[in-house]
Amino acid sequence: MMAMWTSFLDWPGFARPLVAMVVYGVVGIGLMALGFKVFDWMTPEIHVQRELAEKHNIAVAIVMAAVILGVAAVTVMAMV
């Protein structure tokens, strides 16, 4: 069983990009969560869950979507 796994890792055309994809994915998700938490920390007056779930505030949803897309753009450019 171990020989199959080591031969898979030695396959140069597939293993390195796969590992890089997983690592970049985990780092990207972590940076996205960190960016969202920083925005949440900077705006303590906005209670996102209450505004969206109870009050159905579409403006807050649009702002949060813009924040997520902005943090995603910065994360992608930082990782390139």
C-alpha atoms as a PDB file:
ATOM      1  CA  MET A   1       0.000   0.000   0.000  1.00  0.00           C
ATOM      2  CA  MET A   2       2.812   2.398   0.866  1.00  0.00           C
ATOM      3  CA  ALA A   3       4.545   1.734  -2.464  1.00  0.00           C
ATOM      4  CA  MET A   4       1.445   2.875  -4.342  1.00  0.00           C
ATOM      5  CA  TRP A   5       1.320   6.126  -2.354  1.00  0.00           C
ATOM      6  CA  THR A   6       5.016   6.896  -2.888  1.00  0.00           C
ATOM      7  CA  SER A   7       4.737   6.180  -6.599  1.00  0.00           C
ATOM      8  CA  PHE A   8       1.759   8.565  -6.734  1.00  0.00           C
ATOM      9  CA  LEU A   9       3.816  11.317  -5.091  1.00  0.00           C
ATOM     10  CA  ASP A  10       6.691  10.720  -7.486  1.00  0.00           C
ATOM     11  CA  TRP A  11       4.453  11.280 -10.472  1.00  0.00           C
ATOM     12  CA  PRO A  12       5.826  14.721 -11.453  1.00  0.00           C
ATOM     13  CA  GLY A  13       3.050  15.798 -13.780  1.00  0.00           C
ATOM     14  CA  PHE A  14       0.249  15.466 -11.243  1.00  0.00           C
ATOM     15  CA  ALA A  15       1.387  15.445  -7.613  1.00  0.00           C
ATOM     16  CA  ARG A  16       3.045  18.858  -7.308  1.00  0.00           C
ATOM     17  CA  PRO A  17       0.169  20.835  -8.871  1.00  0.00           C
ATOM     18  CA  LEU A  18      -2.327  18.903  -6.765  1.00  0.00           C
ATOM     19  CA  VAL A  19      -0.469  19.657  -3.537  1.00  0.00           C
ATOM     20  CA  ALA A  20      -0.017  23.300  -4.561  1.00  0.00           C
ATOM     21  CA  MET A  21      -3.734  23.594  -5.308  1.00  0.00           C
ATOM     22  CA  VAL A  22      -4.670  22.228  -1.893  1.00  0.00           C
ATOM     23  CA  VAL A  23      -2.171  24.458  -0.077  1.00  0.00           C
ATOM     24  CA  TYR A  24      -3.221  27.599  -1.976  1.00  0.00           C
ATOM     25  CA  GLY A  25      -6.879  26.727  -1.405  1.00  0.00           C
ATOM     26  CA  VAL A  26      -6.426  26.378   2.355  1.00  0.00           C
ATOM     27  CA  VAL A  27      -4.347  29.570   2.548  1.00  0.00           C
ATOM     28  CA  GLY A  28      -6.893  31.436   0.409  1.00  0.00           C
ATOM     29  CA  ILE A  29      -9.832  30.348   2.553  1.00  0.00           C
ATOM     30  CA  GLY A  30      -7.926  31.320   5.695  1.00  0.00           C
ATOM     31  CA  LEU A  31      -7.098  34.757   4.302  1.00  0.00           C
ATOM     32  CA  MET A  32     -10.721  35.251   3.222  1.00  0.00           C
ATOM     33  CA  ALA A  33     -11.956  34.420   6.732  1.00  0.00           C
ATOM     34  CA  LEU A  34      -9.346  36.720   8.262  1.00  0.00           C
ATOM     35  CA  GLY A  35     -10.338  39.573   5.934  1.00  0.00           C
ATOM     36  CA  PHE A  36     -14.005  39.116   6.756  1.00  0.00           C
ATOM     37  CA  LYS A  37     -13.256  39.101  10.497  1.00  0.00           C
ATOM     38  CA  VAL A  38     -11.174  42.286  10.151  1.00  0.00           C
ATOM     39  CA  PHE A  39     -14.090  44.003   8.386  1.00  0.00           C
ATOM     40  CA  ASP A  40     -16.466  42.734  11.072  1.00  0.00           C
ATOM     41  CA  TRP A  41     -14.114  44.059  13.755  1.00  0.00           C
ATOM     42  CA  MET A  42     -13.867  47.465  12.028  1.00  0.00           C
ATOM     43  CA  THR A  43     -17.660  47.872  11.846  1.00  0.00           C
ATOM     44  CA  PRO A  44     -19.069  46.865  15.255  1.00  0.00           C
ATOM     45  CA  GLU A  45     -22.347  48.745  14.660  1.00  0.00           C
ATOM     46  CA  ILE A  46     -23.411  46.417  11.851  1.00  0.00           C
ATOM     47  CA  HIS A  47     -24.822  43.148  13.181  1.00  0.00           C
ATOM     48  CA  VAL A  48     -24.805  41.260   9.903  1.00  0.00           C
ATOM     49  CA  GLN A  49     -26.682  38.146  10.950  1.00  0.00           C
ATOM     50  CA  ARG A  50     -29.500  40.102  12.602  1.00  0.00           C
ATOM     51  CA  GLU A  51     -29.748  42.552   9.700  1.00  0.00           C
ATOM     52  CA  LEU A  52     -29.961  39.767   7.136  1.00  0.00           C
ATOM     53  CA  ALA A  53     -32.015  37.149   8.973  1.00  0.00           C
ATOM     54  CA  GLU A  54     -34.470  39.242  10.960  1.00  0.00           C
ATOM     55  CA  LYS A  55     -34.708  42.556   9.117  1.00  0.00           C
ATOM     56  CA  HIS A  56     -34.072  41.261   5.556  1.00  0.00           C
ATOM     57  CA  ASN A  57     -31.815  44.239   4.852  1.00  0.00           C
ATOM     58  CA  ILE A  58     -30.719  43.923   1.226  1.00  0.00           C
ATOM     59  CA  ALA A  59     -28.271  46.837   1.542  1.00  0.00           C
ATOM     60  CA  VAL A  60     -26.240  44.947   4.134  1.00  0.00           C
ATOM     61  CA  ALA A  61     -26.224  41.890   1.866  1.00  0.00           C
ATOM     62  CA  ILE A  62     -24.871  43.989  -1.015  1.00  0.00           C
ATOM     63  CA  VAL A  63     -22.186  45.538   1.209  1.00  0.00           C
ATOM     64  CA  MET A  64     -21.130  42.125   2.515  1.00  0.00           C
ATOM     65  CA  ALA A  65     -20.964  40.742  -1.028  1.00  0.00           C
ATOM     66  CA  ALA A  66     -18.748  43.668  -2.015  1.00  0.00           C
ATOM     67  CA  VAL A  67     -16.518  43.067   1.006  1.00  0.00           C
ATOM     68  CA  ILE A  68     -16.164  39.386   0.181  1.00  0.00           C
ATOM     69  CA  LEU A  69     -15.349  40.101  -3.476  1.00  0.00           C
ATOM     70  CA  GLY A  70     -12.866  42.818  -2.475  1.00  0.00           C
ATOM     71  CA  VAL A  71     -11.098  40.568   0.011  1.00  0.00           C
ATOM     72  CA  ALA A  72     -11.059  37.791  -2.604  1.00  0.00           C
ATOM     73  CA  ALA A  73      -9.437  40.104  -5.159  1.00  0.00           C
ATOM     74  CA  VAL A  74      -6.752  41.185  -2.680  1.00  0.00           C
ATOM     75  CA  THR A  75      -6.173  37.558  -1.629  1.00  0.00           C
ATOM     76  CA  VAL A  76      -5.766  36.394  -5.229  1.00  0.00           C
ATOM     77  CA  MET A  77      -3.338  39.187  -6.050  1.00  0.00           C
ATOM     78  CA  ALA A  78      -1.331  38.506  -2.892  1.00  0.00           C
ATOM     79  CA  MET A  79      -1.022  34.834  -3.822  1.00  0.00           C
ATOM     80  CA  VAL A  80       0.019  35.374  -7.440  1.00  0.00           C
END
